[in-house]
Amino acid sequence: MAKQSSQETKQSSRKGQGSPFEKLRTTGASAYRLYALIAFYARARSPLIDSEAVPILSAHLPEVCKTYEYELIAYRLTPNQIHLVIGFKPTDAIADIVSNIKRSTAHRLFETISDLEQRIGRRNFWAEGYFAETLSHNQILNLLKIWQSRNKSEEQAVVQIVFGQNEPFSPRQMERLVEHLLPAERVVMCLLYGLEGEKAHTHEEVAEQLSLKPDEVREFERDALERMRTMTREQYLNRSGGKRHE
């Protein structure tokens, strides 16, 4: 296995925590770090990704990627085009990735939007073909920063950065991030995870202590974890620098 270059090592040390995409994935006796930018159009490049389609795609894209074990890092929707940044395995062919995502999302769109087939005249939502480009792990954060920057001036574009959704936090990260939560979220998280000198409690114990229902405690926890993941993603993006990737 090739060693990390001295330049990459220096860049990682300057940035402190480095890129969240540096970690090698493993399968069997092999190790890999594979990412791609993928883009494809709606049929006839028509503005089909409208106010009805956007929430359906936003909800279904993570499900599709989880089903096929793709790592969805971010996506960008415009009225007639979709861009995806995805991590994948060596056994995944780009053509198959595109086909699986197109087929599954189109099926969900036609099943959910009752008059979609009638409006566009046929049951083909996506145009043929696609664009794909491999990305190195240290290009991804720059690309996401560009997307975010452009999103401020592109009213019809929707950008969602979703990496790290299922990554656990270390105790040190938890201690640091919990300081930025809302007061009620902070109390719940400290009790649940044993932070700031507290003993770790179950959801039921926290509910009894705070005069809440267990489901309300779980809702506080979900909101707090999402807020913490958002903060972590923003910190990574704020630290990223280097050459722009257009």
Protein backbone atom coordinates (compact mmCIF):
# COMPACT_ATOMS: atom_id res chain seq x y z
CA MET A 1 0.00 0.00 0.00
CA ALA A 2 1.38 3.41 -0.93
CA LYS A 3 2.40 5.67 1.92
CA GLN A 4 0.77 9.05 2.32
CA SER A 5 2.81 11.70 0.56
CA SER A 6 4.81 14.17 2.67
CA GLN A 7 2.74 17.02 1.19
CA GLU A 8 -0.52 15.37 2.27
CA THR A 9 0.93 14.73 5.73
CA LYS A 10 1.91 18.38 6.09
CA GLN A 11 -1.52 19.54 4.92
CA SER A 12 -3.24 17.25 7.43
CA SER A 13 -1.07 18.45 10.29
CA ARG A 14 -1.74 22.10 9.40
CA LYS A 15 -5.47 21.52 9.39
CA GLY A 16 -5.42 19.67 12.69
CA GLN A 17 -8.07 17.02 12.19
CA GLY A 18 -7.57 16.75 8.44
CA SER A 19 -10.26 15.71 5.99
CA PRO A 20 -13.08 13.47 7.24
CA PHE A 21 -12.64 11.51 4.00
CA GLU A 22 -9.02 10.45 4.59
CA LYS A 23 -10.00 7.28 6.39
CA LEU A 24 -9.43 4.10 4.40
CA ARG A 25 -12.37 1.74 3.98
CA THR A 26 -11.69 -1.99 4.02
CA THR A 27 -13.31 -5.03 2.50
CA GLY A 28 -11.69 -8.41 2.93
CA ALA A 29 -7.96 -7.98 2.45
CA SER A 30 -8.32 -4.77 0.41
CA ALA A 31 -8.33 -1.11 1.43
CA TYR A 32 -9.78 1.70 -0.63
CA ARG A 33 -10.75 5.38 -0.63
CA LEU A 34 -12.98 6.00 -3.65
CA TYR A 35 -15.15 9.07 -4.28
CA ALA A 36 -16.89 10.47 -7.35
CA LEU A 37 -18.83 13.48 -8.49
CA ILE A 38 -21.80 12.30 -10.56
CA ALA A 39 -24.30 14.44 -12.47
CA PHE A 40 -27.24 13.73 -14.75
CA TYR A 41 -30.17 15.62 -16.24
CA ALA A 42 -33.93 15.31 -16.07
CA ARG A 43 -35.50 14.10 -19.32
CA ALA A 44 -35.01 16.56 -22.21
CA ARG A 45 -33.25 18.79 -19.67
CA SER A 46 -36.71 19.95 -18.59
CA PRO A 47 -37.24 21.71 -15.22
CA LEU A 48 -38.85 18.63 -13.66
CA ILE A 49 -37.08 18.95 -10.31
CA ASP A 50 -39.69 21.30 -8.93
CA SER A 51 -41.25 22.02 -5.54
CA GLU A 52 -42.98 18.61 -5.58
CA ALA A 53 -39.95 16.61 -6.67
CA VAL A 54 -37.32 18.21 -4.41
CA PRO A 55 -38.65 16.93 -1.05
CA ILE A 56 -39.19 13.45 -2.53
CA LEU A 57 -35.62 13.29 -3.84
CA SER A 58 -34.26 14.74 -0.60
CA ALA A 59 -36.01 12.04 1.41
CA HIS A 60 -35.29 9.15 -0.96
CA LEU A 61 -31.67 9.73 -2.01
CA PRO A 62 -30.23 8.77 1.42
CA GLU A 63 -32.43 5.67 1.45
CA VAL A 64 -31.24 4.57 -1.99
CA CYS A 65 -27.59 5.07 -1.10
CA LYS A 66 -27.99 3.20 2.18
CA THR A 67 -29.66 0.29 0.37
CA TYR A 68 -26.76 -0.05 -2.09
CA GLU A 69 -24.10 0.85 0.53
CA TYR A 70 -22.99 3.99 -1.24
CA GLU A 71 -21.68 6.77 0.99
CA LEU A 72 -23.79 9.83 0.19
CA ILE A 73 -21.72 12.88 1.09
CA ALA A 74 -23.75 15.68 -0.49
CA TYR A 75 -26.15 16.45 -3.29
CA ARG A 76 -27.13 19.51 -5.29
CA LEU A 77 -30.47 19.85 -7.06
CA THR A 78 -31.26 22.38 -9.78
CA PRO A 79 -34.52 22.50 -11.77
CA ASN A 80 -33.17 20.15 -14.44
CA GLN A 81 -30.06 18.49 -13.01
CA ILE A 82 -28.76 16.57 -10.00
CA HIS A 83 -25.17 16.45 -8.71
CA LEU A 84 -24.01 13.83 -6.21
CA VAL A 85 -20.80 13.37 -4.27
CA ILE A 86 -20.62 9.69 -3.37
CA GLY A 87 -18.18 7.25 -1.83
CA PHE A 88 -18.26 3.75 -3.24
CA LYS A 89 -16.61 0.33 -3.10
CA PRO A 90 -14.12 -1.09 -5.64
CA THR A 91 -16.78 -3.57 -6.75
CA ASP A 92 -19.23 -0.78 -7.64
CA ALA A 93 -19.20 0.33 -11.28
CA ILE A 94 -20.07 3.99 -11.87
CA ALA A 95 -22.61 3.00 -14.54
CA ASP A 96 -24.35 0.72 -12.03
CA ILE A 97 -24.37 3.44 -9.36
CA VAL A 98 -26.05 5.86 -11.76
CA SER A 99 -28.51 3.24 -12.98
CA ASN A 100 -29.53 2.21 -9.46
CA ILE A 101 -30.06 5.80 -8.32
CA LYS A 102 -31.95 6.81 -11.48
CA ARG A 103 -34.21 3.78 -11.44
CA SER A 104 -35.05 3.97 -7.74
CA THR A 105 -35.63 7.73 -7.57
CA ALA A 106 -37.72 7.74 -10.77
CA HIS A 107 -39.90 4.97 -9.40
CA ARG A 108 -40.46 6.88 -6.15
CA LEU A 109 -41.28 10.10 -8.02
CA PHE A 110 -43.85 8.44 -10.29
CA GLU A 111 -45.40 6.57 -7.37
CA THR A 112 -45.65 9.71 -5.23
CA ILE A 113 -46.66 12.39 -7.76
CA SER A 114 -49.92 11.09 -9.19
CA ASP A 115 -50.03 13.25 -12.35
CA LEU A 116 -46.31 13.17 -13.16
CA GLU A 117 -46.54 10.64 -15.98
CA GLN A 118 -49.46 12.52 -17.52
CA ARG A 119 -47.57 15.83 -17.33
CA ILE A 120 -44.38 14.63 -19.02
CA GLY A 121 -46.00 12.16 -21.43
CA ARG A 122 -44.01 9.06 -20.55
CA ARG A 123 -42.57 7.17 -17.58
CA ASN A 124 -38.98 8.33 -18.08
CA PHE A 125 -37.89 10.95 -15.59
CA TRP A 126 -34.13 11.01 -16.23
CA ALA A 127 -32.30 11.61 -19.50
CA GLU A 128 -29.87 9.03 -20.81
CA GLY A 129 -26.22 9.38 -19.92
CA TYR A 130 -24.34 11.00 -17.06
CA PHE A 131 -21.17 12.85 -16.09
CA ALA A 132 -18.74 11.28 -13.63
CA GLU A 133 -15.40 12.38 -12.24
CA THR A 134 -13.34 10.75 -9.52
CA LEU A 135 -12.34 12.93 -6.57
CA SER A 136 -9.44 12.64 -4.19
CA HIS A 137 -10.35 12.84 -0.51
CA ASN A 138 -8.76 16.29 -0.18
CA GLN A 139 -10.82 17.79 -3.05
CA ILE A 140 -14.22 17.10 -1.52
CA LEU A 141 -14.36 19.81 1.13
CA ASN A 142 -13.38 22.49 -1.38
CA LEU A 143 -16.11 21.33 -3.76
CA LEU A 144 -18.70 21.45 -0.98
CA LYS A 145 -17.62 24.96 -0.02
CA ILE A 146 -18.08 26.05 -3.65
CA TRP A 147 -21.56 24.52 -3.68
CA GLN A 148 -22.49 26.34 -0.50
CA SER A 149 -21.14 29.63 -1.82
CA ARG A 150 -22.99 29.33 -5.12
CA ASN A 151 -26.17 28.29 -3.32
CA LYS A 152 -26.44 31.75 -1.76
CA SER A 153 -26.83 33.31 -5.21
CA GLU A 154 -28.73 30.50 -6.94
CA GLU A 155 -32.31 30.76 -5.74
CA GLN A 156 -33.47 27.59 -7.48
CA ALA A 157 -30.60 25.35 -6.34
CA VAL A 158 -30.90 23.09 -3.31
CA VAL A 159 -27.68 21.94 -1.63
CA GLN A 160 -27.65 19.34 1.13
CA ILE A 161 -24.41 18.28 2.79
CA VAL A 162 -25.12 15.08 4.65
CA PHE A 163 -21.82 13.32 5.38
CA GLY A 164 -21.27 12.01 8.88
CA GLN A 165 -24.95 11.32 9.55
CA ASN A 166 -24.23 7.97 11.20
CA GLU A 167 -20.73 8.59 12.53
CA PRO A 168 -20.50 8.31 16.34
CA PHE A 169 -18.97 11.14 18.34
CA SER A 170 -15.97 10.58 20.57
CA PRO A 171 -16.38 11.61 24.24
CA ARG A 172 -14.04 14.54 23.61
CA GLN A 173 -16.15 15.73 20.65
CA MET A 174 -19.31 15.40 22.71
CA GLU A 175 -17.88 17.50 25.53
CA ARG A 176 -16.82 20.22 23.08
CA LEU A 177 -20.00 20.32 21.00
CA VAL A 178 -22.50 20.12 23.83
CA GLU A 179 -21.43 23.61 24.94
CA HIS A 180 -23.09 25.04 21.81
CA LEU A 181 -26.48 23.36 22.24
CA LEU A 182 -29.65 24.97 23.45
CA PRO A 183 -29.93 24.83 27.28
CA ALA A 184 -32.62 22.11 27.33
CA GLU A 185 -30.72 19.99 24.77
CA ARG A 186 -27.53 20.39 26.75
CA VAL A 187 -29.13 19.15 29.97
CA VAL A 188 -30.62 16.12 28.21
CA MET A 189 -27.36 15.20 26.46
CA CYS A 190 -25.30 15.58 29.62
CA LEU A 191 -27.63 13.24 31.47
CA LEU A 192 -27.87 10.70 28.64
CA TYR A 193 -24.16 10.54 27.83
CA GLY A 194 -22.60 11.25 31.21
CA LEU A 195 -21.06 14.60 30.27
CA GLU A 196 -19.83 17.42 32.49
CA GLY A 197 -19.49 15.16 35.51
CA GLU A 198 -22.94 13.60 35.21
CA LYS A 199 -23.59 9.85 35.35
CA ALA A 200 -25.03 8.34 32.17
CA HIS A 201 -28.78 7.71 32.46
CA THR A 202 -31.35 5.86 30.36
CA HIS A 203 -34.03 7.73 28.42
CA GLU A 204 -36.58 6.68 31.03
CA GLU A 205 -34.44 7.94 33.91
CA VAL A 206 -33.87 11.29 32.19
CA ALA A 207 -37.58 11.58 31.46
CA GLU A 208 -38.46 10.99 35.11
CA GLN A 209 -35.81 13.42 36.33
CA LEU A 210 -36.92 16.22 33.97
CA SER A 211 -40.68 15.52 34.11
CA LEU A 212 -40.77 14.58 30.43
CA LYS A 213 -41.96 11.59 28.43
CA PRO A 214 -39.28 9.16 27.13
CA ASP A 215 -40.30 10.03 23.55
CA GLU A 216 -39.71 13.72 24.28
CA VAL A 217 -36.23 12.89 25.58
CA ARG A 218 -35.50 10.95 22.38
CA GLU A 219 -36.70 13.91 20.33
CA PHE A 220 -34.37 16.24 22.24
CA GLU A 221 -31.55 13.77 21.61
CA ARG A 222 -32.27 13.53 17.85
CA ASP A 223 -32.37 17.31 17.49
CA ALA A 224 -29.18 17.74 19.52
CA LEU A 225 -27.27 15.10 17.54
CA GLU A 226 -28.31 16.66 14.23
CA ARG A 227 -27.27 20.09 15.49
CA MET A 228 -23.90 18.64 16.58
CA ARG A 229 -23.37 16.95 13.20
CA THR A 230 -24.20 20.20 11.42
CA MET A 231 -21.66 22.04 13.56
CA THR A 232 -19.03 19.39 12.81
CA ARG A 233 -19.64 19.62 9.05
CA GLU A 234 -19.42 23.42 9.16
CA GLN A 235 -16.14 23.24 11.08
CA TYR A 236 -14.67 20.92 8.46
CA LEU A 237 -15.80 23.23 5.65
CA ASN A 238 -14.46 26.33 7.40
CA ARG A 239 -11.05 24.67 7.78
CA SER A 240 -10.82 23.51 4.18
CA GLY A 241 -8.66 25.41 1.76
CA GLY A 242 -6.35 24.83 -1.15
CA LYS A 243 -7.03 24.60 -4.86
CA ARG A 244 -10.58 25.21 -6.03
CA HIS A 245 -12.30 22.36 -7.82
CA GLU A 246 -14.81 23.60 -10.38
